[in-house]
Amino acid sequence: MSYKRCSKCNGFFCDILRSLQPNSRIYDIFIEGTDNNFLNGGRLLSLDSDTCLATFTNPDVSADTVFIVSCNKIIGIEIRPPA
């Protein structure tokens, strides 16, 4: 599965997320305009190319909690390339 390109989702990190497969492991995500707002140790569930919203699992809170953020607001992301 790949995500379609959308003109309003044109940031570098939108491109990074677009290149990943659903359920890809995300180690850290840092969000623009926040001091301590980041996701630590989740998985990419989806990227909506119409709204630019990326949805991740959020195991720091609980197994069934999700973290949703605009890919345009991401200023840092830690992933590891496939082995």
N, C-alpha and C. Protein backbone atom coordinates (compact mmCIF):
# COMPACT_ATOMS: atom_id res chain seq x y z
N MET A 1 0.84 -1.17 0.00
CA MET A 1 0.00 0.00 0.00
C MET A 1 0.89 1.23 0.00
N SER A 2 0.52 2.22 -0.79
CA SER A 2 1.23 3.50 -0.75
C SER A 2 0.20 4.61 -0.67
N TYR A 3 0.64 5.75 -0.18
CA TYR A 3 -0.25 6.88 0.00
C TYR A 3 -0.12 7.82 -1.18
N LYS A 4 -1.24 8.38 -1.65
CA LYS A 4 -1.18 9.28 -2.80
C LYS A 4 -0.60 10.63 -2.39
N ARG A 5 -0.02 11.30 -3.36
CA ARG A 5 0.57 12.63 -3.15
C ARG A 5 -0.53 13.68 -3.18
N CYS A 6 -0.50 14.60 -2.25
CA CYS A 6 -1.49 15.68 -2.17
C CYS A 6 -0.73 17.00 -2.06
N SER A 7 -1.17 18.03 -2.77
CA SER A 7 -0.43 19.28 -2.79
C SER A 7 -0.34 19.95 -1.42
N LYS A 8 -1.33 19.78 -0.57
CA LYS A 8 -1.25 20.42 0.75
C LYS A 8 -0.44 19.60 1.75
N CYS A 9 -0.14 18.37 1.44
CA CYS A 9 0.70 17.51 2.29
C CYS A 9 2.07 17.41 1.64
N ASN A 10 2.79 18.54 1.58
CA ASN A 10 4.01 18.57 0.80
C ASN A 10 5.27 18.74 1.63
N GLY A 11 5.19 18.58 2.91
CA GLY A 11 6.38 18.72 3.75
C GLY A 11 7.29 17.51 3.65
N PHE A 12 8.53 17.71 4.06
CA PHE A 12 9.52 16.64 4.03
C PHE A 12 9.05 15.42 4.81
N PHE A 13 8.48 15.65 6.00
CA PHE A 13 8.07 14.52 6.83
C PHE A 13 6.79 13.86 6.30
N CYS A 14 5.97 14.61 5.57
CA CYS A 14 4.84 13.98 4.87
C CYS A 14 5.38 12.99 3.85
N ASP A 15 6.44 13.39 3.13
CA ASP A 15 7.05 12.50 2.15
C ASP A 15 7.64 11.26 2.82
N ILE A 16 8.27 11.45 3.97
CA ILE A 16 8.83 10.30 4.71
C ILE A 16 7.71 9.33 5.08
N LEU A 17 6.64 9.85 5.68
CA LEU A 17 5.53 8.98 6.08
C LEU A 17 4.88 8.32 4.87
N ARG A 18 4.78 9.04 3.78
CA ARG A 18 4.18 8.50 2.56
C ARG A 18 4.99 7.31 2.04
N SER A 19 6.30 7.33 2.28
CA SER A 19 7.16 6.25 1.78
C SER A 19 7.10 4.99 2.64
N LEU A 20 6.53 5.11 3.85
CA LEU A 20 6.47 3.97 4.77
C LEU A 20 5.23 3.12 4.54
N GLN A 21 5.33 1.86 4.88
CA GLN A 21 4.19 0.96 4.84
C GLN A 21 3.38 1.11 6.14
N PRO A 22 2.06 0.88 6.08
CA PRO A 22 1.29 0.87 7.33
C PRO A 22 1.90 -0.13 8.30
N ASN A 23 1.85 0.19 9.56
CA ASN A 23 2.37 -0.61 10.67
C ASN A 23 3.89 -0.49 10.81
N SER A 24 4.51 0.46 10.08
CA SER A 24 5.94 0.70 10.24
C SER A 24 6.22 1.25 11.63
N ARG A 25 7.31 0.80 12.21
CA ARG A 25 7.71 1.22 13.55
C ARG A 25 8.26 2.64 13.51
N ILE A 26 7.76 3.50 14.40
CA ILE A 26 8.22 4.88 14.55
C ILE A 26 8.79 4.99 15.97
N TYR A 27 10.02 5.42 16.08
CA TYR A 27 10.65 5.46 17.40
C TYR A 27 10.38 6.78 18.12
N ASP A 28 10.46 7.90 17.41
CA ASP A 28 10.16 9.20 18.01
C ASP A 28 9.60 10.12 16.94
N ILE A 29 8.65 10.98 17.33
CA ILE A 29 8.12 12.03 16.47
C ILE A 29 8.07 13.30 17.31
N PHE A 30 8.60 14.38 16.75
CA PHE A 30 8.59 15.67 17.43
C PHE A 30 7.70 16.62 16.65
N ILE A 31 6.85 17.36 17.36
CA ILE A 31 5.82 18.20 16.76
C ILE A 31 6.18 19.67 16.90
N GLU A 32 6.00 20.43 15.83
CA GLU A 32 6.27 21.87 15.81
C GLU A 32 5.44 22.61 16.86
N GLY A 33 6.08 23.56 17.53
CA GLY A 33 5.38 24.43 18.46
C GLY A 33 5.09 23.84 19.82
N THR A 34 5.72 22.72 20.14
CA THR A 34 5.49 22.08 21.44
C THR A 34 6.82 21.80 22.12
N ASP A 35 6.81 21.81 23.43
CA ASP A 35 8.04 21.53 24.17
C ASP A 35 8.27 20.03 24.35
N ASN A 36 7.26 19.34 24.80
CA ASN A 36 7.42 17.92 25.12
C ASN A 36 6.39 17.05 24.43
N ASN A 37 5.88 17.48 23.31
CA ASN A 37 4.85 16.71 22.63
C ASN A 37 5.50 15.82 21.57
N PHE A 38 5.66 14.56 21.92
CA PHE A 38 6.22 13.62 20.97
C PHE A 38 5.67 12.24 21.25
N LEU A 39 5.77 11.42 20.25
CA LEU A 39 5.36 10.02 20.35
C LEU A 39 6.62 9.20 20.50
N ASN A 40 6.62 8.26 21.39
CA ASN A 40 7.79 7.42 21.61
C ASN A 40 7.39 5.96 21.46
N GLY A 41 7.78 5.35 20.37
CA GLY A 41 7.60 3.91 20.22
C GLY A 41 6.27 3.46 19.66
N GLY A 42 5.72 4.15 18.69
CA GLY A 42 4.45 3.75 18.09
C GLY A 42 4.63 3.15 16.71
N ARG A 43 3.51 2.95 16.04
CA ARG A 43 3.51 2.44 14.67
C ARG A 43 2.58 3.30 13.83
N LEU A 44 2.96 3.51 12.57
CA LEU A 44 2.13 4.25 11.64
C LEU A 44 0.91 3.42 11.27
N LEU A 45 -0.28 3.95 11.52
CA LEU A 45 -1.50 3.27 11.13
C LEU A 45 -1.97 3.73 9.76
N SER A 46 -1.97 5.07 9.55
CA SER A 46 -2.44 5.59 8.27
C SER A 46 -1.97 7.02 8.06
N LEU A 47 -2.03 7.45 6.80
CA LEU A 47 -1.78 8.85 6.44
C LEU A 47 -2.89 9.23 5.48
N ASP A 48 -3.72 10.19 5.88
CA ASP A 48 -4.83 10.66 5.06
C ASP A 48 -4.34 11.78 4.16
N SER A 49 -4.25 11.53 2.86
CA SER A 49 -3.72 12.51 1.93
C SER A 49 -4.66 13.69 1.69
N ASP A 50 -5.91 13.58 2.09
CA ASP A 50 -6.84 14.70 1.95
C ASP A 50 -6.72 15.68 3.11
N THR A 51 -6.46 15.19 4.30
CA THR A 51 -6.37 16.05 5.49
C THR A 51 -4.95 16.21 6.01
N CYS A 52 -4.02 15.41 5.52
CA CYS A 52 -2.61 15.40 5.97
C CYS A 52 -2.45 14.82 7.38
N LEU A 53 -3.49 14.19 7.89
CA LEU A 53 -3.42 13.63 9.24
C LEU A 53 -2.80 12.24 9.23
N ALA A 54 -1.79 12.09 10.05
CA ALA A 54 -1.13 10.80 10.24
C ALA A 54 -1.60 10.22 11.57
N THR A 55 -1.94 8.95 11.57
CA THR A 55 -2.42 8.28 12.77
C THR A 55 -1.42 7.20 13.16
N PHE A 56 -1.06 7.20 14.44
CA PHE A 56 -0.08 6.26 14.99
C PHE A 56 -0.66 5.57 16.21
N THR A 57 -0.18 4.35 16.48
CA THR A 57 -0.48 3.75 17.77
C THR A 57 0.29 4.53 18.82
N ASN A 58 -0.19 4.52 20.05
CA ASN A 58 0.49 5.24 21.12
C ASN A 58 0.59 4.35 22.36
N PRO A 59 1.53 3.42 22.35
CA PRO A 59 1.64 2.46 23.47
C PRO A 59 2.06 3.10 24.78
N ASP A 60 2.57 4.35 24.75
CA ASP A 60 2.92 5.02 26.00
C ASP A 60 1.69 5.25 26.87
N VAL A 61 0.53 5.42 26.22
CA VAL A 61 -0.71 5.66 26.96
C VAL A 61 -1.41 4.34 27.24
N SER A 62 -1.74 3.60 26.19
CA SER A 62 -2.31 2.25 26.33
C SER A 62 -2.28 1.58 24.96
N ALA A 63 -2.51 0.31 24.94
CA ALA A 63 -2.42 -0.46 23.70
C ALA A 63 -3.44 -0.03 22.66
N ASP A 64 -4.57 0.50 23.06
CA ASP A 64 -5.62 0.86 22.10
C ASP A 64 -5.75 2.37 21.89
N THR A 65 -4.73 3.14 22.26
CA THR A 65 -4.76 4.59 22.10
C THR A 65 -4.03 4.98 20.83
N VAL A 66 -4.56 5.99 20.12
CA VAL A 66 -3.91 6.47 18.91
C VAL A 66 -3.46 7.91 19.10
N PHE A 67 -2.49 8.30 18.30
CA PHE A 67 -1.91 9.64 18.28
C PHE A 67 -2.11 10.15 16.87
N ILE A 68 -2.77 11.31 16.72
CA ILE A 68 -3.07 11.86 15.39
C ILE A 68 -2.43 13.24 15.29
N VAL A 69 -1.69 13.47 14.20
CA VAL A 69 -1.01 14.74 14.00
C VAL A 69 -0.93 15.04 12.51
N SER A 70 -0.95 16.31 12.16
CA SER A 70 -0.74 16.71 10.77
C SER A 70 0.72 16.44 10.41
N CYS A 71 0.94 15.78 9.28
CA CYS A 71 2.32 15.51 8.88
C CYS A 71 3.07 16.81 8.60
N ASN A 72 2.35 17.89 8.32
CA ASN A 72 2.98 19.19 8.09
C ASN A 72 3.53 19.81 9.37
N LYS A 73 3.12 19.32 10.52
CA LYS A 73 3.57 19.85 11.81
C LYS A 73 4.72 19.05 12.41
N ILE A 74 5.12 17.97 11.77
CA ILE A 74 6.21 17.15 12.28
C ILE A 74 7.53 17.82 11.94
N ILE A 75 8.40 18.00 12.95
CA ILE A 75 9.70 18.62 12.73
C ILE A 75 10.86 17.64 12.95
N GLY A 76 10.56 16.45 13.39
CA GLY A 76 11.59 15.44 13.57
C GLY A 76 10.96 14.07 13.70
N ILE A 77 11.63 13.08 13.15
CA ILE A 77 11.11 11.71 13.23
C ILE A 77 12.28 10.74 13.28
N GLU A 78 12.17 9.73 14.11
CA GLU A 78 13.19 8.69 14.16
C GLU A 78 12.57 7.39 13.70
N ILE A 79 13.14 6.87 12.63
CA ILE A 79 12.74 5.55 12.12
C ILE A 79 14.02 4.78 11.85
N ARG A 80 13.89 3.51 11.65
CA ARG A 80 15.05 2.71 11.28
C ARG A 80 14.76 2.06 9.94
N PRO A 81 15.74 2.05 9.05
CA PRO A 81 15.50 1.44 7.74
C PRO A 81 15.25 -0.05 7.88
N PRO A 82 14.53 -0.62 6.91
CA PRO A 82 14.27 -2.07 6.97
C PRO A 82 15.59 -2.84 6.96
N ALA A 83 15.59 -3.94 7.68
CA ALA A 83 16.82 -4.77 7.76
C ALA A 83 17.01 -5.59 6.51
